């Protein structure tokens, strides 16, 4: 694992939002932890003009682009062409000095460029060669995404770099390997590289694509119209080029007698982290957050503390940020936040809900009821689907999540957003339903 010079690493800060007051007998403490990384040096300008920056301007990085080449990519024939163009656009966005490879994915994974089990180093010549190699991409064969990921892992791990990133494009279901095989591949690759996943068209499985991105701490999205792929790939690669520090973990220390109920990312998307904890010493555990550039994210931490008397106070949890090292030690990124518990008989203090906590509890419920509503709709339970999607409309409207509200309005007719009164639309475009499902975990931040 790389060590970072101070100049290249963004400065991290941690802010904690909570109501620390508990009533007599109260045990549950909730806090929203905002983590912000700023000022990572040359990154903004390196992204704006990648070719002006030689190796070492921005962190060492390796990127593998995995392009679906299964038979279905020929229907319509423009789809494969759009995928080639999008991959070329992504290659153009690579910074000089970044290691990269292109993988063609079917029921097996093939090295399209540079080949021979290695990575190329981006410069004008290799970018050009890679784009020539893309012309040979043709559609034919099945889909076994686990094999693509394992090849990406092998190639990415051959470079001694700080940031390892994958971009994966598929247009179909993972029909040529078992779900267990895909899961085993994801387990192998988790923590070794991050990966953004995109589904193009409407013949792929949302839970597969979002599951890949979730396991590998990347983003997932739908590109319903293949013509939009190039813009999407360019933006994904720009974001990847902006990452400056990999493998950041949220370290949570809790005192004796305190149990962690859950830890989840709540912005920019809802991502459950509770089960991904690795122990990091007495009463401390690390939760993976992936790679960071200049950005800010919010996490919801919920702990259960021992009962105490009125007037007592305690530290319920301490949050810090670390980069675990290969030798088992960890580099501390120098920012921490404290979650407190204070017992009071002041009813007003102990019953008021912190606005950040309330907002993100609502956003997490929003993501959940959309999933439940769409699943019920697929299984034919229209009353259940109407109730869940109505609740989703109500939550999206109340929290100002306009993007999700717009997506919901393509699946239901909204009678009254404030009460969540809706009717299911008789006919829904498949792309609209898939977009809602894929983007259901995107949240909006609290209006300050």
Protein backbone atom coordinates (compact mmCIF):
# COMPACT_ATOMS: atom_id res chain seq x y z
CA UNK A 1 0.00 0.00 0.00
CA UNK A 2 1.28 3.42 -0.92
CA UNK A 3 2.54 6.02 1.51
CA UNK A 4 1.48 9.54 0.69
CA UNK A 5 3.43 12.74 0.83
CA UNK A 6 1.47 15.46 2.60
CA UNK A 7 1.43 17.63 -0.52
CA UNK A 8 -0.58 15.13 -2.56
CA UNK A 9 -3.09 14.12 0.08
CA UNK A 10 -6.27 16.09 0.61
CA UNK A 11 -6.86 17.40 4.13
CA UNK A 12 -9.69 15.48 5.79
CA UNK A 13 -12.11 16.97 8.30
CA UNK A 14 -14.89 15.36 10.34
CA UNK A 15 -18.04 17.12 11.60
CA UNK A 16 -20.58 15.43 13.87
CA UNK A 17 -24.27 16.40 13.94
CA UNK A 18 -26.40 14.90 16.72
CA UNK A 19 -28.74 15.51 19.62
CA UNK A 20 -26.60 14.21 22.49
CA UNK A 21 -29.42 14.43 25.06
CA UNK A 22 -31.06 11.18 26.18
CA UNK A 23 -34.05 10.74 28.51
CA UNK A 24 -33.77 8.61 31.63
CA UNK A 25 -33.30 5.00 30.47
CA UNK A 26 -32.42 6.18 26.94
CA UNK A 27 -29.75 4.08 25.21
CA UNK A 28 -29.78 4.79 21.45
CA UNK A 29 -27.42 7.48 20.17
CA UNK A 30 -27.63 8.64 16.53
CA UNK A 31 -25.17 10.92 14.76
CA UNK A 32 -24.52 12.09 11.21
CA UNK A 33 -20.80 12.25 10.52
CA UNK A 34 -19.77 14.49 7.62
CA UNK A 35 -16.36 13.67 6.15
CA UNK A 36 -14.83 16.25 3.82
CA UNK A 37 -11.60 16.03 1.80
CA UNK A 38 -10.24 19.28 0.36
CA UNK A 39 -7.20 20.72 -1.33
CA UNK A 40 -5.53 17.68 -2.85
CA UNK A 41 -3.18 19.73 -4.99
CA UNK A 42 -3.04 19.47 -8.78
CA UNK A 43 -6.11 17.34 -9.31
CA UNK A 44 -8.63 19.86 -10.67
CA UNK A 45 -6.20 21.15 -13.25
CA UNK A 46 -4.92 17.64 -14.04
CA UNK A 47 -8.45 16.61 -14.93
CA UNK A 48 -9.13 19.72 -16.97
CA UNK A 49 -6.03 19.19 -19.09
CA UNK A 50 -4.82 15.62 -18.57
CA UNK A 51 -2.05 15.74 -21.17
CA UNK A 52 -0.32 18.73 -19.56
CA UNK A 53 0.50 16.62 -16.52
CA UNK A 54 3.32 14.12 -16.66
CA UNK A 55 3.69 11.07 -14.45
CA UNK A 56 3.65 11.97 -10.79
CA UNK A 57 1.27 14.91 -11.23
CA UNK A 58 -1.57 13.50 -9.26
CA UNK A 59 -1.26 10.07 -7.66
CA UNK A 60 -0.14 6.90 -9.44
CA UNK A 61 -3.21 5.18 -10.78
CA UNK A 62 -4.21 2.13 -12.82
CA UNK A 63 -7.53 1.78 -14.65
CA UNK A 64 -9.14 -1.23 -16.34
CA UNK A 65 -12.05 -0.66 -18.71
CA UNK A 66 -14.30 -3.73 -19.12
CA UNK A 67 -16.55 -3.61 -22.22
CA UNK A 68 -19.37 -6.07 -22.77
CA UNK A 69 -18.83 -7.81 -26.13
CA UNK A 70 -21.57 -10.43 -25.79
CA UNK A 71 -23.81 -11.19 -28.75
CA UNK A 72 -26.59 -8.88 -27.58
CA UNK A 73 -24.29 -5.85 -28.03
CA UNK A 74 -25.09 -6.17 -31.77
CA UNK A 75 -28.78 -5.36 -31.22
CA UNK A 76 -29.07 -2.64 -32.35
CA UNK A 77 -25.68 -2.53 -34.15
CA UNK A 78 -25.17 1.07 -33.01
CA UNK A 79 -24.80 -0.20 -29.42
CA UNK A 80 -21.37 -1.74 -30.01
CA UNK A 81 -20.28 1.35 -31.93
CA UNK A 82 -21.41 3.59 -29.06
CA UNK A 83 -19.51 1.38 -26.59
CA UNK A 84 -16.33 1.65 -28.69
CA UNK A 85 -16.72 5.43 -28.94
CA UNK A 86 -17.34 5.72 -25.20
CA UNK A 87 -14.25 3.65 -24.39
CA UNK A 88 -12.19 5.82 -26.76
CA UNK A 89 -13.50 8.94 -25.00
CA UNK A 90 -12.53 7.46 -21.62
CA UNK A 91 -9.03 6.64 -22.94
CA UNK A 92 -8.68 10.26 -24.10
CA UNK A 93 -9.45 11.37 -20.54
CA UNK A 94 -6.58 9.36 -18.98
CA UNK A 95 -3.77 11.42 -17.46
CA UNK A 96 -0.30 10.85 -18.90
CA UNK A 97 1.50 8.22 -16.84
CA UNK A 98 -1.62 6.37 -15.72
CA UNK A 99 -1.47 2.58 -16.25
CA UNK A 100 -4.43 1.19 -18.17
CA UNK A 101 -5.92 -1.78 -19.99
CA UNK A 102 -9.04 -2.56 -22.02
CA UNK A 103 -10.84 -5.87 -21.49
CA UNK A 104 -13.47 -7.35 -23.82
CA UNK A 105 -16.04 -9.32 -21.81
CA UNK A 106 -18.12 -12.29 -22.95
CA UNK A 107 -18.43 -15.70 -21.26
CA UNK A 108 -14.62 -15.31 -21.04
CA UNK A 109 -12.51 -12.18 -20.56
CA UNK A 110 -10.07 -11.14 -23.29
CA UNK A 111 -7.28 -8.60 -23.17
CA UNK A 112 -8.04 -6.13 -25.96
CA UNK A 113 -5.14 -3.77 -25.16
CA UNK A 114 -2.21 -3.84 -24.48
CA UNK A 115 -2.31 -7.67 -24.06
CA UNK A 116 0.29 -10.05 -22.69
CA UNK A 117 -0.96 -9.79 -19.11
CA UNK A 118 0.31 -6.23 -18.66
CA UNK A 119 -0.86 -2.65 -18.47
CA UNK A 120 0.03 0.17 -20.87
CA UNK A 121 1.19 3.57 -19.62
CA UNK A 122 -0.90 6.43 -20.99
CA UNK A 123 0.72 8.83 -23.43
CA UNK A 124 -0.18 10.06 -26.93
CA UNK A 125 1.13 6.85 -28.56
CA UNK A 126 -0.54 4.30 -26.27
CA UNK A 127 -3.84 6.20 -26.30
CA UNK A 128 -3.75 6.04 -30.09
CA UNK A 129 -2.84 2.33 -30.14
CA UNK A 130 -5.64 1.54 -27.69
CA UNK A 131 -8.19 3.33 -29.87
CA UNK A 132 -6.96 1.36 -32.91
CA UNK A 133 -7.37 -1.87 -30.93
CA UNK A 134 -10.98 -0.95 -30.08
CA UNK A 135 -11.87 -1.23 -33.77
CA UNK A 136 -11.37 -4.99 -33.50
CA UNK A 137 -14.08 -5.27 -30.82
CA UNK A 138 -17.01 -7.27 -32.16
CA UNK A 139 -20.07 -8.75 -30.48
CA UNK A 140 -20.49 -12.50 -29.97
CA UNK A 141 -20.71 -14.91 -27.05
CA UNK A 142 -22.23 -14.94 -23.59
CA UNK A 143 -21.86 -12.98 -20.34
CA UNK A 144 -19.79 -14.03 -17.31
CA UNK A 145 -18.95 -10.81 -15.48
CA UNK A 146 -16.96 -12.52 -12.71
CA UNK A 147 -14.31 -13.51 -15.28
CA UNK A 148 -14.00 -9.86 -16.40
CA UNK A 149 -13.51 -8.69 -12.82
CA UNK A 150 -10.89 -11.34 -12.07
CA UNK A 151 -8.87 -10.40 -15.17
CA UNK A 152 -9.15 -6.70 -14.21
CA UNK A 153 -7.89 -7.58 -10.73
CA UNK A 154 -4.91 -9.51 -12.12
CA UNK A 155 -3.95 -6.66 -14.44
CA UNK A 156 -4.51 -3.86 -11.90
CA UNK A 157 -2.53 -5.64 -9.19
CA UNK A 158 0.49 -5.89 -11.52
CA UNK A 159 1.11 -2.14 -11.07
CA UNK A 160 2.61 -0.60 -7.93
CA UNK A 161 0.13 2.30 -7.71
CA UNK A 162 -1.94 4.10 -5.08
CA UNK A 163 -5.29 4.11 -6.92
CA UNK A 164 -6.79 1.07 -8.72
CA UNK A 165 -10.07 1.58 -10.53
CA UNK A 166 -12.36 -0.36 -12.88
CA UNK A 167 -15.10 0.80 -15.24
CA UNK A 168 -17.55 -1.91 -16.29
CA UNK A 169 -20.18 -1.72 -19.03
CA UNK A 170 -22.79 -4.42 -19.60
CA UNK A 171 -25.99 -4.63 -21.63
CA UNK A 172 -27.29 -8.00 -20.48
CA UNK A 173 -27.86 -10.40 -17.64
CA UNK A 174 -25.00 -12.43 -16.21
CA UNK A 175 -26.27 -15.67 -17.75
CA UNK A 176 -23.09 -17.70 -18.19
CA UNK A 177 -21.99 -18.07 -14.59
CA UNK A 178 -23.88 -18.71 -11.37
CA UNK A 179 -24.73 -15.90 -8.94
CA UNK A 180 -22.37 -17.71 -6.52
CA UNK A 181 -19.50 -17.40 -9.02
CA UNK A 182 -20.11 -13.68 -9.43
CA UNK A 183 -20.29 -13.23 -5.66
CA UNK A 184 -17.02 -15.14 -5.19
CA UNK A 185 -15.35 -12.86 -7.76
CA UNK A 186 -16.69 -9.76 -5.99
CA UNK A 187 -15.44 -11.07 -2.63
CA UNK A 188 -12.00 -11.63 -4.18
CA UNK A 189 -11.86 -8.14 -5.73
CA UNK A 190 -13.37 -6.18 -2.81
CA UNK A 191 -10.78 -3.88 -1.27
CA UNK A 192 -8.38 -4.48 -4.18
CA UNK A 193 -9.90 -2.00 -6.61
CA UNK A 194 -12.96 0.25 -6.84
CA UNK A 195 -15.33 -0.13 -9.77
CA UNK A 196 -18.05 1.93 -11.45
CA UNK A 197 -20.70 -0.15 -13.24
CA UNK A 198 -23.05 0.92 -16.02
CA UNK A 199 -25.98 -0.85 -17.61
CA UNK A 200 -26.72 0.19 -21.21
CA UNK A 201 -30.16 -0.27 -22.75
CA UNK A 202 -32.84 -2.13 -20.75
CA UNK A 203 -31.97 -5.86 -20.95
CA UNK A 204 -29.69 -6.02 -17.90
CA UNK A 205 -30.48 -6.81 -14.28
CA UNK A 206 -30.49 -3.75 -11.98
CA UNK A 207 -29.61 -5.70 -8.83
CA UNK A 208 -26.58 -7.25 -10.59
CA UNK A 209 -25.14 -3.91 -11.71
CA UNK A 210 -25.85 -2.09 -8.45
CA UNK A 211 -24.51 -5.10 -6.52
CA UNK A 212 -21.18 -4.95 -8.40
CA UNK A 213 -20.78 -1.21 -7.74
CA UNK A 214 -21.78 -1.61 -4.10
CA UNK A 215 -19.36 -4.46 -3.42
CA UNK A 216 -16.52 -2.55 -5.08
CA UNK A 217 -17.43 0.88 -3.58
CA UNK A 218 -18.11 2.52 -6.95
CA UNK A 219 -21.10 4.14 -8.62
CA UNK A 220 -23.88 2.45 -10.61
CA UNK A 221 -26.12 3.99 -13.24
CA UNK A 222 -28.25 3.28 -16.28
CA UNK A 223 -27.44 4.66 -19.71
CA UNK A 224 -30.79 3.93 -21.37
CA UNK A 225 -29.73 5.51 -24.65
CA UNK A 226 -26.40 4.10 -25.91
CA UNK A 227 -25.71 7.46 -27.62
CA UNK A 228 -25.17 8.99 -24.15
CA UNK A 229 -22.36 6.55 -23.28
CA UNK A 230 -19.42 8.71 -24.39
CA UNK A 231 -20.41 11.63 -22.15
CA UNK A 232 -20.99 9.25 -19.24
CA UNK A 233 -17.65 7.43 -19.72
CA UNK A 234 -15.77 10.74 -19.97
CA UNK A 235 -17.30 11.95 -16.72
CA UNK A 236 -16.62 8.64 -14.94
CA UNK A 237 -12.98 8.72 -16.02
CA UNK A 238 -12.60 12.37 -14.97
CA UNK A 239 -13.89 11.43 -11.53
CA UNK A 240 -11.52 8.44 -11.38
CA UNK A 241 -8.61 10.69 -12.36
CA UNK A 242 -9.62 13.00 -9.49
CA UNK A 243 -9.16 10.34 -6.80
CA UNK A 244 -6.11 11.06 -4.66
CA UNK A 245 -6.12 8.59 -1.79
CA UNK A 246 -7.36 4.98 -1.83
CA UNK A 247 -8.58 2.57 0.84
CA UNK A 248 -9.75 5.16 3.36
CA UNK A 249 -11.53 3.55 6.30
CA UNK A 250 -13.88 5.10 8.83
CA UNK A 251 -12.57 3.88 12.19
CA UNK A 252 -15.13 3.70 14.98
CA UNK A 253 -13.99 3.31 18.59
CA UNK A 254 -16.62 2.64 21.25
CA UNK A 255 -16.24 2.35 25.04
CA UNK A 256 -16.92 -0.79 27.10
CA UNK A 257 -20.59 -1.78 27.13
CA UNK A 258 -21.43 0.13 23.94
CA UNK A 259 -22.58 -1.78 20.84
CA UNK A 260 -22.64 -0.53 17.26
CA UNK A 261 -26.15 -0.92 15.81
CA UNK A 262 -25.26 0.27 12.30
CA UNK A 263 -22.92 2.38 10.19
CA UNK A 264 -24.10 3.47 6.75
CA UNK A 265 -23.14 6.02 4.15
CA UNK A 266 -26.17 8.27 3.58
CA UNK A 267 -24.83 10.81 1.03
CA UNK A 268 -24.30 11.00 -1.88
CA UNK A 269 -25.93 7.55 -1.88
CA UNK A 270 -27.20 5.13 0.74
CA UNK A 271 -24.67 2.33 1.26
CA UNK A 272 -24.87 -0.17 4.14
CA UNK A 273 -21.42 -0.60 5.75
CA UNK A 274 -22.32 -2.37 9.01
CA UNK A 275 -21.41 -5.87 7.81
CA UNK A 276 -18.13 -4.74 6.24
CA UNK A 277 -16.45 -3.97 9.54
CA UNK A 278 -12.98 -5.36 10.16
CA UNK A 279 -11.69 -5.34 13.74
CA UNK A 280 -8.81 -2.93 14.26
CA UNK A 281 -7.94 -3.29 17.93
CA UNK A 282 -9.77 -3.37 21.25
CA UNK A 283 -13.31 -1.98 20.75
CA UNK A 284 -12.41 -0.44 17.38
CA UNK A 285 -13.51 -1.40 13.87
CA UNK A 286 -12.81 -0.12 10.36
CA UNK A 287 -15.52 0.46 7.73
CA UNK A 288 -14.26 0.76 4.11
CA UNK A 289 -15.13 3.93 2.16
CA UNK A 290 -13.03 3.46 -0.99
CA UNK A 291 -11.12 6.19 -2.83
CA UNK A 292 -11.37 9.93 -2.26
CA UNK A 293 -10.72 13.07 -4.28
CA UNK A 294 -11.96 16.52 -3.29
CA UNK A 295 -15.43 15.63 -2.00
CA UNK A 296 -17.72 15.34 0.99
CA UNK A 297 -19.84 12.40 2.18
CA UNK A 298 -22.21 11.80 5.09
CA UNK A 299 -22.42 8.72 7.33
CA UNK A 300 -25.10 7.71 9.85
CA UNK A 301 -23.67 6.07 12.97
CA UNK A 302 -26.02 4.49 15.53
CA UNK A 303 -24.74 3.03 18.82
CA UNK A 304 -26.38 1.65 21.94
CA UNK A 305 -24.85 2.84 25.21
CA UNK A 306 -25.23 1.43 28.73
CA UNK A 307 -27.97 2.96 30.91
CA UNK A 308 -26.80 5.87 33.09
CA UNK A 309 -28.27 8.33 35.57
CA UNK A 310 -29.65 11.81 34.90
CA UNK A 311 -26.78 14.31 34.72
CA UNK A 312 -24.19 11.76 33.61
CA UNK A 313 -22.42 12.09 30.28
CA UNK A 314 -20.13 9.86 28.28
CA UNK A 315 -18.24 9.59 25.02
CA UNK A 316 -20.44 7.21 23.01
CA UNK A 317 -18.08 6.82 20.03
CA UNK A 318 -14.98 8.32 18.45
CA UNK A 319 -14.72 8.50 14.66
CA UNK A 320 -11.39 8.83 12.86
CA UNK A 321 -10.09 8.23 9.33
CA UNK A 322 -7.27 5.85 8.55
CA UNK A 323 -5.54 4.20 5.61
CA UNK A 324 -4.75 0.59 6.60
CA UNK A 325 -1.19 -0.42 5.60
CA UNK A 326 -0.01 -3.78 4.28
CA UNK A 327 1.87 -4.56 7.52
CA UNK A 328 -1.31 -4.31 9.61
CA UNK A 329 -0.62 -0.79 10.89
CA UNK A 330 -2.69 2.21 9.79
CA UNK A 331 -1.87 5.71 8.67
CA UNK A 332 -4.11 8.16 10.55
CA UNK A 333 -5.43 10.96 8.36
CA UNK A 334 -5.55 13.32 11.33
CA UNK A 335 -9.26 14.11 11.60
CA UNK A 336 -11.66 12.90 14.27
CA UNK A 337 -15.17 13.46 15.56
CA UNK A 338 -16.75 12.69 18.93
CA UNK A 339 -20.26 11.32 19.49
CA UNK A 340 -21.57 12.12 22.98
CA UNK A 341 -24.38 10.99 25.25
CA UNK A 342 -25.79 13.19 28.04
CA UNK A 343 -28.71 12.06 30.22
CA UNK A 344 -31.23 14.76 31.09
CA UNK A 345 -34.69 15.14 32.62
CA UNK A 346 -35.37 18.07 30.26
CA UNK A 347 -38.05 16.52 28.02
CA UNK A 348 -37.68 19.15 25.28
CA UNK A 349 -33.95 18.53 24.98
CA UNK A 350 -34.20 14.74 25.01
CA UNK A 351 -37.09 14.40 22.53
CA UNK A 352 -35.92 16.84 19.83
CA UNK A 353 -34.54 15.07 16.77
CA UNK A 354 -31.44 16.49 15.14
CA UNK A 355 -32.41 17.81 11.66
CA UNK A 356 -29.52 15.99 9.94
CA UNK A 357 -30.43 12.68 11.59
CA UNK A 358 -34.12 13.14 10.72
CA UNK A 359 -33.34 14.04 7.10
CA UNK A 360 -31.09 11.05 6.44
CA UNK A 361 -33.35 8.62 8.26
CA UNK A 362 -35.97 9.75 5.73
CA UNK A 363 -33.58 9.40 2.77
CA UNK A 364 -32.65 5.85 3.82
CA UNK A 365 -36.35 4.97 4.12
CA UNK A 366 -36.95 6.54 0.68
CA UNK A 367 -34.39 4.21 -0.93
CA UNK A 368 -35.93 1.23 0.86
CA UNK A 369 -39.59 1.90 -0.03
CA UNK A 370 -38.72 2.47 -3.72
CA UNK A 371 -37.04 -0.97 -3.84
CA UNK A 372 -39.93 -2.59 -1.99
CA UNK A 373 -42.54 -0.85 -4.17
CA UNK A 374 -40.88 -1.89 -7.43
CA UNK A 375 -40.42 -5.48 -6.20
CA UNK A 376 -44.12 -5.65 -5.20
CA UNK A 377 -45.13 -4.20 -8.59
CA UNK A 378 -43.09 -6.91 -10.37
CA UNK A 379 -44.68 -9.64 -8.26
CA UNK A 380 -48.19 -8.35 -9.07
CA UNK A 381 -49.12 -6.89 -5.65
CA UNK A 382 -50.46 -3.58 -6.96
CA UNK A 383 -51.97 -2.39 -3.65
CA UNK A 384 -48.72 -3.00 -1.80
CA UNK A 385 -46.73 -1.31 -4.58
CA UNK A 386 -49.05 1.72 -4.52
CA UNK A 387 -48.65 2.11 -0.75
CA UNK A 388 -44.84 1.88 -0.83
CA UNK A 389 -44.39 4.14 -3.87
CA UNK A 390 -46.87 6.62 -2.37
CA UNK A 391 -44.73 6.78 0.76
CA UNK A 392 -41.69 7.30 -1.51
CA UNK A 393 -43.39 10.26 -3.22
CA UNK A 394 -44.22 11.74 0.18
CA UNK A 395 -40.62 11.36 1.44
CA UNK A 396 -39.06 12.69 -1.78
CA UNK A 397 -41.35 15.71 -1.72
CA UNK A 398 -40.82 16.49 1.99
CA UNK A 399 -37.01 16.23 1.76
CA UNK A 400 -36.64 18.20 -1.48
CA UNK A 401 -35.25 15.24 -3.40
CA UNK A 402 -36.43 16.63 -6.75
CA UNK A 403 -34.48 14.15 -8.92
CA UNK A 404 -36.09 11.13 -7.26
CA UNK A 405 -39.52 12.83 -7.29
CA UNK A 406 -39.19 13.28 -11.09
CA UNK A 407 -38.26 9.61 -11.56
CA UNK A 408 -41.20 8.49 -9.36
CA UNK A 409 -43.61 10.62 -11.44
CA UNK A 410 -42.79 8.45 -14.47
CA UNK A 411 -43.93 5.31 -12.62
CA UNK A 412 -46.93 6.67 -10.66
CA UNK A 413 -49.48 9.45 -11.18
CA UNK A 414 -49.14 11.74 -8.18
CA UNK A 415 -52.53 12.83 -6.81
CA UNK A 416 -51.16 14.52 -3.66
CA UNK A 417 -47.43 14.48 -2.90
CA UNK A 418 -47.81 15.76 0.68
CA UNK A 419 -50.00 12.81 1.71
CA UNK A 420 -48.34 10.32 -0.63
CA UNK A 421 -51.56 9.67 -2.56
CA UNK A 422 -50.67 8.09 -5.92
CA UNK A 423 -51.99 5.79 -8.64
CA UNK A 424 -49.76 3.29 -10.43
CA UNK A 425 -49.45 4.14 -14.12
CA UNK A 426 -51.04 1.49 -16.35
CA UNK A 427 -48.09 1.56 -18.74
CA UNK A 428 -44.54 2.31 -17.63
CA UNK A 429 -41.53 2.50 -19.93
CA UNK A 430 -39.02 -0.15 -18.90
CA UNK A 431 -36.19 2.41 -19.00
CA UNK A 432 -38.08 4.67 -16.57
CA UNK A 433 -38.66 1.86 -14.08
CA UNK A 434 -35.02 0.72 -14.31
CA UNK A 435 -33.76 4.29 -13.90
CA UNK A 436 -35.84 4.72 -10.74
CA UNK A 437 -34.56 1.44 -9.32
CA UNK A 438 -30.91 2.11 -10.23
CA UNK A 439 -30.94 5.64 -8.80
CA UNK A 440 -33.15 4.87 -5.78
CA UNK A 441 -30.20 5.15 -3.35
CA UNK A 442 -29.16 8.65 -4.50
CA UNK A 443 -29.84 11.14 -1.72
CA UNK A 444 -29.92 14.90 -1.32
CA UNK A 445 -28.02 16.64 1.45
CA UNK A 446 -29.57 18.63 4.26
CA UNK A 447 -30.26 22.21 3.25
CA UNK A 448 -27.93 24.19 5.51
